């Protein structure tokens, strides 16, 4: 968990989500999981929207 928390401090380093059109929603791939999160700029927050095991899971 610490690795994910540390990596998400640089939230713009990860690719735009393939599941959403919003550029503030990003995908972070970690150990076979895709963590989809939204960047809230005004509150300086990263909100986790979902954790997906593979791209066929919705």
N, C-alpha and C. Protein backbone atom coordinates (compact mmCIF):
# COMPACT_ATOMS: atom_id res chain seq x y z
N UNK A 1 0.82 -1.19 0.00
CA UNK A 1 0.00 0.00 0.00
C UNK A 1 0.87 1.26 0.00
N UNK A 2 1.98 1.22 0.68
CA UNK A 2 2.86 2.38 0.72
C UNK A 2 3.42 2.72 -0.66
N UNK A 3 3.69 1.70 -1.45
CA UNK A 3 4.21 1.93 -2.80
C UNK A 3 3.18 2.67 -3.65
N UNK A 4 1.92 2.27 -3.56
CA UNK A 4 0.86 2.93 -4.32
C UNK A 4 0.70 4.37 -3.85
N UNK A 5 0.69 4.55 -2.56
CA UNK A 5 0.54 5.90 -1.99
C UNK A 5 1.68 6.81 -2.45
N UNK A 6 2.89 6.27 -2.44
CA UNK A 6 4.06 7.05 -2.86
C UNK A 6 3.99 7.39 -4.35
N UNK A 7 3.60 6.41 -5.17
CA UNK A 7 3.52 6.64 -6.62
C UNK A 7 2.44 7.65 -6.98
N UNK A 8 1.32 7.65 -6.27
CA UNK A 8 0.23 8.55 -6.61
C UNK A 8 0.48 9.99 -6.17
N UNK A 9 1.60 10.25 -5.50
CA UNK A 9 1.98 11.63 -5.22
C UNK A 9 2.29 12.37 -6.52
N UNK A 10 2.68 11.62 -7.54
CA UNK A 10 2.96 12.18 -8.86
C UNK A 10 1.86 11.69 -9.81
N UNK A 11 0.65 12.08 -9.53
CA UNK A 11 -0.53 11.51 -10.18
C UNK A 11 -0.61 11.77 -11.68
N UNK A 12 0.02 12.80 -12.18
CA UNK A 12 -0.04 13.09 -13.62
C UNK A 12 0.94 12.24 -14.43
N UNK A 13 1.77 11.46 -13.78
CA UNK A 13 2.73 10.61 -14.49
C UNK A 13 2.09 9.42 -15.18
N UNK A 14 0.86 9.10 -14.85
CA UNK A 14 0.21 7.91 -15.38
C UNK A 14 -0.75 8.26 -16.50
N UNK A 15 -1.04 7.26 -17.34
CA UNK A 15 -1.82 7.51 -18.56
C UNK A 15 -3.28 7.84 -18.28
N UNK A 16 -3.87 8.56 -19.22
CA UNK A 16 -5.29 8.88 -19.17
C UNK A 16 -6.08 7.57 -19.20
N UNK A 17 -7.16 7.52 -18.47
CA UNK A 17 -7.95 6.30 -18.35
C UNK A 17 -8.53 5.86 -19.69
N UNK A 18 -8.51 4.56 -19.90
CA UNK A 18 -9.15 4.01 -21.10
C UNK A 18 -10.65 3.82 -20.88
N UNK A 19 -11.11 3.98 -19.63
CA UNK A 19 -12.50 3.76 -19.29
C UNK A 19 -13.33 5.04 -19.28
N UNK A 20 -12.68 6.21 -19.23
CA UNK A 20 -13.36 7.49 -19.14
C UNK A 20 -12.74 8.48 -20.12
N UNK A 21 -13.50 9.50 -20.52
CA UNK A 21 -13.02 10.52 -21.44
C UNK A 21 -12.34 11.69 -20.73
N UNK A 22 -12.56 11.86 -19.46
CA UNK A 22 -12.02 12.98 -18.67
C UNK A 22 -10.50 12.84 -18.52
N UNK A 23 -9.76 13.92 -18.81
CA UNK A 23 -8.30 13.85 -18.71
C UNK A 23 -7.80 13.84 -17.27
N UNK A 24 -8.67 14.16 -16.32
CA UNK A 24 -8.28 14.11 -14.91
C UNK A 24 -8.49 12.73 -14.30
N UNK A 25 -9.04 11.80 -15.06
CA UNK A 25 -9.19 10.42 -14.60
C UNK A 25 -8.08 9.60 -15.23
N UNK A 26 -7.29 8.96 -14.39
CA UNK A 26 -6.09 8.25 -14.83
C UNK A 26 -6.13 6.78 -14.43
N UNK A 27 -5.32 5.96 -15.09
CA UNK A 27 -5.17 4.54 -14.77
C UNK A 27 -3.74 4.31 -14.28
N UNK A 28 -3.66 3.61 -13.16
CA UNK A 28 -2.37 3.23 -12.59
C UNK A 28 -2.34 1.71 -12.53
N UNK A 29 -1.41 1.08 -13.23
CA UNK A 29 -1.30 -0.37 -13.27
C UNK A 29 -0.26 -0.80 -12.24
N UNK A 30 -0.68 -1.72 -11.35
CA UNK A 30 0.18 -2.16 -10.25
C UNK A 30 -0.09 -3.64 -9.98
N UNK A 31 0.92 -4.48 -10.21
CA UNK A 31 0.85 -5.92 -9.93
C UNK A 31 -0.39 -6.59 -10.53
N UNK A 32 -0.69 -6.28 -11.78
CA UNK A 32 -1.81 -6.91 -12.48
C UNK A 32 -3.16 -6.25 -12.26
N UNK A 33 -3.21 -5.23 -11.44
CA UNK A 33 -4.45 -4.51 -11.18
C UNK A 33 -4.39 -3.14 -11.83
N UNK A 34 -5.53 -2.65 -12.29
CA UNK A 34 -5.63 -1.29 -12.78
C UNK A 34 -6.41 -0.49 -11.75
N UNK A 35 -5.77 0.54 -11.22
CA UNK A 35 -6.42 1.41 -10.25
C UNK A 35 -6.81 2.68 -10.99
N UNK A 36 -8.10 2.92 -11.10
CA UNK A 36 -8.61 4.11 -11.78
C UNK A 36 -8.87 5.18 -10.73
N UNK A 37 -8.32 6.36 -10.95
CA UNK A 37 -8.46 7.43 -9.96
C UNK A 37 -8.71 8.76 -10.63
N UNK A 38 -9.30 9.68 -9.88
CA UNK A 38 -9.58 11.02 -10.38
C UNK A 38 -8.76 12.03 -9.59
N UNK A 39 -8.19 12.98 -10.29
CA UNK A 39 -7.40 14.03 -9.67
C UNK A 39 -8.31 15.22 -9.38
N UNK A 40 -8.42 15.59 -8.12
CA UNK A 40 -9.18 16.77 -7.70
C UNK A 40 -8.16 17.88 -7.44
N UNK A 41 -7.97 18.75 -8.43
CA UNK A 41 -6.92 19.76 -8.35
C UNK A 41 -7.18 20.80 -7.26
N UNK A 42 -8.41 21.26 -7.14
CA UNK A 42 -8.67 22.35 -6.19
C UNK A 42 -8.52 21.91 -4.74
N UNK A 43 -8.79 20.62 -4.45
CA UNK A 43 -8.65 20.11 -3.09
C UNK A 43 -7.33 19.38 -2.87
N UNK A 44 -6.52 19.24 -3.93
CA UNK A 44 -5.23 18.53 -3.88
C UNK A 44 -5.43 17.09 -3.39
N UNK A 45 -6.40 16.39 -4.03
CA UNK A 45 -6.75 15.02 -3.65
C UNK A 45 -6.66 14.08 -4.84
N UNK A 46 -6.47 12.80 -4.54
CA UNK A 46 -6.59 11.74 -5.52
C UNK A 46 -7.68 10.81 -5.01
N UNK A 47 -8.77 10.67 -5.77
CA UNK A 47 -9.89 9.83 -5.38
C UNK A 47 -9.85 8.53 -6.18
N UNK A 48 -9.79 7.40 -5.50
CA UNK A 48 -9.79 6.11 -6.18
C UNK A 48 -11.22 5.79 -6.58
N UNK A 49 -11.43 5.55 -7.88
CA UNK A 49 -12.76 5.25 -8.41
C UNK A 49 -13.02 3.76 -8.50
N UNK A 50 -11.95 2.99 -8.69
CA UNK A 50 -12.14 1.55 -8.80
C UNK A 50 -10.84 0.82 -8.93
N UNK A 51 -10.88 -0.47 -8.61
CA UNK A 51 -9.74 -1.35 -8.76
C UNK A 51 -10.21 -2.51 -9.63
N UNK A 52 -9.54 -2.70 -10.76
CA UNK A 52 -9.96 -3.68 -11.75
C UNK A 52 -8.85 -4.71 -11.92
N UNK A 53 -9.22 -6.00 -11.90
CA UNK A 53 -8.23 -7.06 -12.06
C UNK A 53 -7.73 -7.16 -13.49
N UNK A 54 -8.62 -7.07 -14.46
CA UNK A 54 -8.20 -7.05 -15.86
C UNK A 54 -9.17 -6.20 -16.65
N UNK A 55 -8.84 -5.91 -17.89
CA UNK A 55 -9.63 -4.94 -18.66
C UNK A 55 -11.02 -5.46 -19.04
N UNK A 56 -11.30 -6.72 -18.88
CA UNK A 56 -12.62 -7.26 -19.22
C UNK A 56 -13.58 -7.19 -18.05
N UNK A 57 -13.13 -6.74 -16.88
CA UNK A 57 -13.98 -6.61 -15.70
C UNK A 57 -14.55 -5.22 -15.64
N UNK A 58 -15.87 -5.10 -15.53
CA UNK A 58 -16.50 -3.78 -15.45
C UNK A 58 -17.36 -3.71 -14.24
